[in-house]
Amino acid sequence: MNKSVLTNNIKNLACDLGFDLVGVANPHSYPKEFKNLNSWLDNNYHASMHWIDNRREERNNIFKYFPNVKTVISFAHNYFTGRNVDDNYKISNYAWGNDYHIIIKDKLKKIDSYIRENIDDVESRLCVDTSPIMEKPWAERAGLGWIGKNTNLINDKIGSWFFLSEILLDIELDFDQEFNEDLCGSCTACIDLCPTEALEEYVLDTNKCISYLTIEHRGEIDKSYQNNLNDWIYGCDICQEVCPWNIKFERNTKEHNFLKRKDFELMDREDWNSINKEQYQTIMKKSAIKRTKFDGLIRNIKLNNKT
């Protein structure tokens, strides 16, 4: 099978599996954002997420992670299922359904299996969020969109409510054209409306970010941010909610695994306020919210329940 046919077949299979966008990047075409990584890390904008710095070299150079890589396939999968509209506590949209790591990885495995059925001795890496590669710059290189002022990847047809993932191959496919426009224009809604002032243009100070504070941060949250959580008990979507590209183009996902879990739909503020560890372990089975751990969730709830 020649590479053009294989490339088209991979893209068609990805669409059949529910991916909304797929593009192919040349690993030798280094994204311009790489030059910003060292500065971002040196400024300690990664906060306590030391695993980012620990594998800095691999993030800077994809060949340090996978020496034989010749192709980076980037995938985007819509997860949007609606907005937080009532008076309940708020959970970031991506975590409403089942853990995306499992769902997306299973889909990548099917694509990888197809490739292996048609190409002998192919070597690959399947990446879903946890691999030491810069997903957004590679997606931009693959033509999926641009990195906006809120530091999210934005597509001009579906907005930014999507998961990114990749398959790295040691064979060459047909490469797509890089998305080389910045369509944020003069808009600064994400910067202006961030409650903790975590954003500058194209730079996120994770130390101030509500998503980081409610998910990755362990221990007490700095008092200067405690009153600005705005009912978020896991993550934060404000910079995506106010983005004009999402307001115009967002649409609900067709993937049933990403729909809001019934357990969450049934929980009101009183239920969250009284949740115990046993209930937490039952409700959070196969949920990304386990990332914050029970103690972190209780901390977040208490901070948002101040009277």
Protein backbone atom coordinates (compact mmCIF):
# COMPACT_ATOMS: atom_id res chain seq x y z
CA MET A 1 0.00 0.00 0.00
CA ASN A 2 1.50 3.35 -1.00
CA LYS A 3 1.73 6.15 1.54
CA SER A 4 -1.00 8.33 0.00
CA VAL A 5 -3.54 5.52 0.16
CA LEU A 6 -2.45 4.61 3.68
CA THR A 7 -2.69 8.24 4.79
CA ASN A 8 -6.21 8.61 3.42
CA ASN A 9 -7.32 5.31 4.92
CA ILE A 10 -6.00 6.29 8.35
CA LYS A 11 -7.88 9.58 8.19
CA ASN A 12 -11.09 7.86 7.08
CA LEU A 13 -10.79 5.29 9.88
CA ALA A 14 -10.19 8.07 12.41
CA CYS A 15 -13.39 9.79 11.28
CA ASP A 16 -15.29 6.50 11.54
CA LEU A 17 -14.03 6.15 15.11
CA GLY A 18 -15.38 9.58 16.03
CA PHE A 19 -12.35 11.84 15.72
CA ASP A 20 -13.29 15.29 14.46
CA LEU A 21 -9.89 16.32 13.11
CA VAL A 22 -6.80 14.45 11.95
CA GLY A 23 -3.61 15.76 10.41
CA VAL A 24 -0.08 14.59 9.67
CA ALA A 25 3.08 16.50 10.60
CA ASN A 26 6.71 16.16 9.60
CA PRO A 27 8.76 15.59 12.79
CA HIS A 28 11.68 17.47 11.25
CA SER A 29 9.56 20.62 11.07
CA TYR A 30 9.97 21.88 14.60
CA PRO A 31 7.12 24.01 15.93
CA LYS A 32 8.07 27.59 16.74
CA GLU A 33 6.61 27.17 20.26
CA PHE A 34 9.54 24.98 21.27
CA LYS A 35 11.64 28.08 21.84
CA ASN A 36 9.16 29.16 24.53
CA LEU A 37 9.26 25.93 26.53
CA ASN A 38 12.55 26.59 28.30
CA SER A 39 11.51 30.11 29.24
CA TRP A 40 8.16 28.86 30.55
CA LEU A 41 9.85 26.22 32.68
CA ASP A 42 12.61 28.54 33.88
CA ASN A 43 9.93 30.98 35.09
CA ASN A 44 8.39 28.12 37.12
CA TYR A 45 5.09 28.52 35.31
CA HIS A 46 4.68 24.72 35.52
CA ALA A 47 4.30 25.04 39.33
CA SER A 48 4.64 21.63 41.03
CA MET A 49 4.27 19.61 37.82
CA HIS A 50 7.92 18.58 37.89
CA TRP A 51 7.41 15.77 35.39
CA ILE A 52 7.28 18.42 32.67
CA ASP A 53 10.74 19.72 33.54
CA ASN A 54 12.12 16.24 34.21
CA ARG A 55 11.53 15.32 30.57
CA ARG A 56 12.27 18.73 29.14
CA GLU A 57 14.80 17.37 26.67
CA GLU A 58 12.27 14.97 25.14
CA ARG A 59 9.66 17.72 24.88
CA ASN A 60 12.19 19.93 23.14
CA ASN A 61 13.26 17.18 20.78
CA ILE A 62 10.80 14.47 19.74
CA PHE A 63 13.73 12.34 18.51
CA LYS A 64 14.90 12.04 22.11
CA TYR A 65 11.58 10.37 22.88
CA PHE A 66 11.28 8.29 19.69
CA PRO A 67 14.54 8.30 17.70
CA ASN A 68 13.05 6.61 14.64
CA VAL A 69 10.00 8.85 14.24
CA LYS A 70 9.22 9.92 10.68
CA THR A 71 5.56 10.91 11.07
CA VAL A 72 3.41 12.56 13.74
CA ILE A 73 -0.32 11.97 13.30
CA SER A 74 -2.43 14.34 15.41
CA PHE A 75 -6.05 13.63 16.31
CA ALA A 76 -8.70 15.86 17.86
CA HIS A 77 -11.86 14.46 19.46
CA ASN A 78 -14.74 16.69 20.57
CA TYR A 79 -15.80 16.15 24.18
CA PHE A 80 -18.24 19.05 24.67
CA THR A 81 -21.53 18.12 26.32
CA GLY A 82 -22.92 21.48 27.42
CA ARG A 83 -22.11 24.27 29.84
CA ASN A 84 -22.37 24.61 33.60
CA VAL A 85 -25.62 26.60 33.77
CA ASP A 86 -27.22 25.95 37.16
CA ASP A 87 -26.24 26.84 40.73
CA ASN A 88 -24.39 23.60 41.34
CA TYR A 89 -20.66 23.23 41.79
CA LYS A 90 -18.76 23.24 38.51
CA ILE A 91 -16.72 20.46 36.94
CA SER A 92 -14.60 20.98 33.85
CA ASN A 93 -16.44 19.71 30.78
CA TYR A 94 -13.76 17.22 29.79
CA ALA A 95 -14.27 15.30 33.04
CA TRP A 96 -18.05 14.90 32.88
CA GLY A 97 -17.83 11.51 31.18
CA ASN A 98 -15.58 8.48 31.43
CA ASP A 99 -11.81 8.89 31.63
CA TYR A 100 -10.66 10.10 28.23
CA HIS A 101 -7.26 8.44 28.54
CA ILE A 102 -8.92 5.04 28.29
CA ILE A 103 -11.45 5.94 25.58
CA ILE A 104 -9.02 7.75 23.27
CA LYS A 105 -6.25 5.17 23.76
CA ASP A 106 -8.62 2.38 22.70
CA LYS A 107 -9.40 4.27 19.48
CA LEU A 108 -5.73 4.85 18.76
CA LYS A 109 -5.08 1.14 19.25
CA LYS A 110 -7.60 0.34 16.52
CA ILE A 111 -5.87 2.70 14.12
CA ASP A 112 -2.48 1.30 15.09
CA SER A 113 -3.75 -2.24 14.48
CA TYR A 114 -4.96 -1.23 11.02
CA ILE A 115 -1.54 0.21 10.20
CA ARG A 116 0.20 -2.96 11.37
CA GLU A 117 -2.14 -5.12 9.30
CA ASN A 118 -1.02 -3.28 6.19
CA ILE A 119 2.62 -2.38 6.91
CA ASP A 120 5.25 -4.89 8.00
CA ASP A 121 7.59 -4.17 10.90
CA VAL A 122 6.24 -0.73 11.69
CA GLU A 123 7.23 0.88 14.99
CA SER A 124 4.83 3.25 16.73
CA ARG A 125 4.05 5.22 19.87
CA LEU A 126 0.50 6.00 21.01
CA CYS A 127 0.22 9.24 22.98
CA VAL A 128 -2.74 10.40 25.03
CA ASP A 129 -1.76 13.37 27.20
CA THR A 130 0.90 11.61 29.29
CA SER A 131 3.76 11.28 26.77
CA PRO A 132 6.58 13.86 26.85
CA ILE A 133 5.70 15.58 23.58
CA MET A 134 4.19 19.01 22.96
CA GLU A 135 0.76 18.06 21.69
CA LYS A 136 -0.57 21.49 20.75
CA PRO A 137 2.44 22.59 18.66
CA TRP A 138 2.42 19.27 16.80
CA ALA A 139 -1.31 19.60 16.16
CA GLU A 140 -0.69 23.08 14.78
CA ARG A 141 2.04 21.64 12.54
CA ALA A 142 -0.46 19.01 11.37
CA GLY A 143 -2.95 21.70 10.37
CA LEU A 144 -5.52 21.19 13.13
CA GLY A 145 -5.62 24.80 14.34
CA TRP A 146 -3.67 27.52 16.09
CA ILE A 147 -2.59 28.00 19.68
CA GLY A 148 -4.71 30.84 21.01
CA LYS A 149 -4.12 33.49 23.63
CA ASN A 150 -5.64 31.12 26.20
CA THR A 151 -2.89 28.60 25.26
CA ASN A 152 -5.49 26.12 23.97
CA LEU A 153 -5.49 24.81 20.43
CA ILE A 154 -8.40 26.39 18.55
CA ASN A 155 -9.92 25.20 15.28
CA ASP A 156 -11.83 27.66 13.11
CA LYS A 157 -14.69 25.20 12.52
CA ILE A 158 -15.22 23.48 15.88
CA GLY A 159 -13.61 25.73 18.49
CA SER A 160 -11.42 24.20 21.22
CA TRP A 161 -13.51 21.66 23.14
CA PHE A 162 -11.47 18.64 22.08
CA PHE A 163 -8.90 16.15 23.30
CA LEU A 164 -5.60 15.87 21.46
CA SER A 165 -3.74 12.62 20.90
CA GLU A 166 -1.05 11.31 18.60
CA ILE A 167 0.38 8.28 16.85
CA LEU A 168 4.10 8.48 16.08
CA LEU A 169 5.36 6.22 13.28
CA ASP A 170 8.75 5.21 11.91
CA ILE A 171 7.30 5.34 8.37
CA GLU A 172 6.54 8.42 6.34
CA LEU A 173 2.99 9.44 5.41
CA ASP A 174 1.76 12.41 3.38
CA PHE A 175 2.24 15.56 5.44
CA ASP A 176 -0.43 18.22 5.84
CA GLN A 177 0.15 21.95 5.66
CA GLU A 178 0.78 23.72 8.94
CA PHE A 179 -1.98 25.97 10.25
CA ASN A 180 -0.05 29.23 10.14
CA GLU A 181 -2.71 31.82 10.93
CA ASP A 182 -3.50 33.36 14.30
CA LEU A 183 -7.23 34.03 14.33
CA CYS A 184 -7.48 35.41 17.87
CA GLY A 185 -7.08 38.90 16.45
CA SER A 186 -7.51 41.67 19.00
CA CYS A 187 -9.77 39.59 21.27
CA THR A 188 -8.63 39.32 24.90
CA ALA A 189 -11.78 37.84 26.48
CA CYS A 190 -9.93 34.87 27.97
CA ILE A 191 -7.34 37.15 29.58
CA ASP A 192 -9.82 39.74 30.81
CA LEU A 193 -12.21 37.23 32.40
CA CYS A 194 -9.75 34.88 34.12
CA PRO A 195 -10.61 35.29 37.84
CA THR A 196 -7.03 34.66 39.02
CA GLU A 197 -5.24 36.57 36.25
CA ALA A 198 -3.40 33.42 35.21
CA LEU A 199 -3.19 34.41 31.55
CA GLU A 200 -1.07 36.78 29.57
CA GLU A 201 -1.18 36.61 25.78
CA TYR A 202 -0.17 33.05 24.83
CA VAL A 203 1.32 32.39 28.29
CA LEU A 204 -0.30 30.58 31.21
CA ASP A 205 1.08 30.91 34.73
CA THR A 206 -0.04 27.55 36.06
CA ASN A 207 0.53 28.66 39.65
CA LYS A 208 -2.55 30.90 39.33
CA CYS A 209 -4.71 28.65 37.15
CA ILE A 210 -7.91 27.32 38.73
CA SER A 211 -7.57 24.06 36.79
CA TYR A 212 -4.13 23.48 38.25
CA LEU A 213 -5.13 24.59 41.74
CA THR A 214 -8.16 22.28 41.90
CA ILE A 215 -6.57 19.26 40.19
CA GLU A 216 -2.78 19.01 40.42
CA HIS A 217 -1.98 21.17 43.44
CA ARG A 218 -1.62 19.31 46.71
CA GLY A 219 -2.23 20.86 50.10
CA GLU A 220 -3.65 24.26 50.94
CA ILE A 221 -4.47 26.66 48.11
CA ASP A 222 -2.90 30.10 48.44
CA LYS A 223 -5.27 32.46 50.25
CA SER A 224 -5.04 35.01 47.43
CA TYR A 225 -6.88 32.57 45.14
CA GLN A 226 -9.26 30.88 47.58
CA ASN A 227 -12.06 33.38 47.00
CA ASN A 228 -11.76 33.27 43.21
CA LEU A 229 -12.57 29.63 42.52
CA ASN A 230 -16.08 30.62 41.36
CA ASP A 231 -17.69 27.27 42.32
CA TRP A 232 -15.15 25.19 40.36
CA ILE A 233 -14.40 22.00 42.30
CA TYR A 234 -12.54 20.27 39.47
CA GLY A 235 -10.84 22.19 36.69
CA CYS A 236 -12.04 25.38 35.05
CA ASP A 237 -13.49 26.17 31.61
CA ILE A 238 -13.78 29.96 31.76
CA CYS A 239 -11.14 30.71 29.12
CA GLN A 240 -12.91 28.33 26.74
CA GLU A 241 -16.45 29.41 27.64
CA VAL A 242 -15.75 33.04 26.76
CA CYS A 243 -13.84 32.29 23.54
CA PRO A 244 -15.85 33.58 20.52
CA TRP A 245 -14.81 30.56 18.47
CA ASN A 246 -16.51 28.27 20.99
CA ILE A 247 -19.54 30.51 21.39
CA LYS A 248 -20.05 30.33 17.64
CA PHE A 249 -19.02 26.78 16.74
CA GLU A 250 -19.30 24.52 19.81
CA ARG A 251 -21.45 21.44 19.36
CA ASN A 252 -22.19 18.45 21.52
CA THR A 253 -20.04 15.35 21.15
CA LYS A 254 -21.45 12.19 19.61
CA GLU A 255 -19.26 10.00 21.83
CA HIS A 256 -21.51 8.52 24.52
CA ASN A 257 -18.53 7.88 26.81
CA PHE A 258 -18.01 11.64 27.15
CA LEU A 259 -21.61 12.43 28.07
CA LYS A 260 -22.25 13.62 31.60
CA ARG A 261 -22.35 10.67 33.95
CA LYS A 262 -25.67 10.06 35.72
CA ASP A 263 -23.91 10.06 39.07
CA PHE A 264 -22.83 13.66 38.48
CA GLU A 265 -26.22 14.74 37.14
CA LEU A 266 -27.88 13.54 40.33
CA MET A 267 -25.45 15.34 42.65
CA ASP A 268 -26.50 18.74 44.00
CA ARG A 269 -24.48 21.02 46.26
CA GLU A 270 -25.73 19.30 49.39
CA ASP A 271 -24.69 15.91 48.03
CA TRP A 272 -21.20 17.18 47.20
CA ASN A 273 -20.91 18.83 50.63
CA SER A 274 -21.62 15.53 52.38
CA ILE A 275 -19.72 13.12 50.09
CA ASN A 276 -17.61 10.57 51.96
CA LYS A 277 -14.65 8.52 50.79
CA GLU A 278 -16.72 5.41 50.06
CA GLN A 279 -19.14 7.38 47.90
CA TYR A 280 -16.22 9.10 46.19
CA GLN A 281 -14.61 5.77 45.27
CA THR A 282 -17.88 4.49 43.82
CA ILE A 283 -18.82 7.62 41.87
CA MET A 284 -15.33 8.29 40.51
CA LYS A 285 -14.71 4.85 39.08
CA LYS A 286 -13.31 5.31 35.54
CA SER A 287 -13.48 9.08 35.98
CA ALA A 288 -10.68 11.58 35.31
CA ILE A 289 -11.70 13.36 38.52
CA LYS A 290 -9.76 10.76 40.50
CA ARG A 291 -6.72 12.83 39.54
CA THR A 292 -7.43 15.34 42.29
CA LYS A 293 -7.84 12.59 44.92
CA PHE A 294 -10.45 12.59 47.67
CA ASP A 295 -8.64 15.08 49.91
CA GLY A 296 -8.22 17.52 47.03
CA LEU A 297 -11.88 17.33 46.09
CA ILE A 298 -13.00 17.90 49.67
CA ARG A 299 -10.64 20.89 49.91
CA ASN A 300 -12.13 22.37 46.74
CA ILE A 301 -15.69 21.84 47.93
CA LYS A 302 -15.01 23.45 51.30
CA LEU A 303 -13.37 26.49 49.72
CA ASN A 304 -16.40 26.98 47.48
CA ASN A 305 -18.82 26.45 50.37
CA LYS A 306 -17.68 29.37 52.47
CA THR A 307 -20.51 31.48 53.83
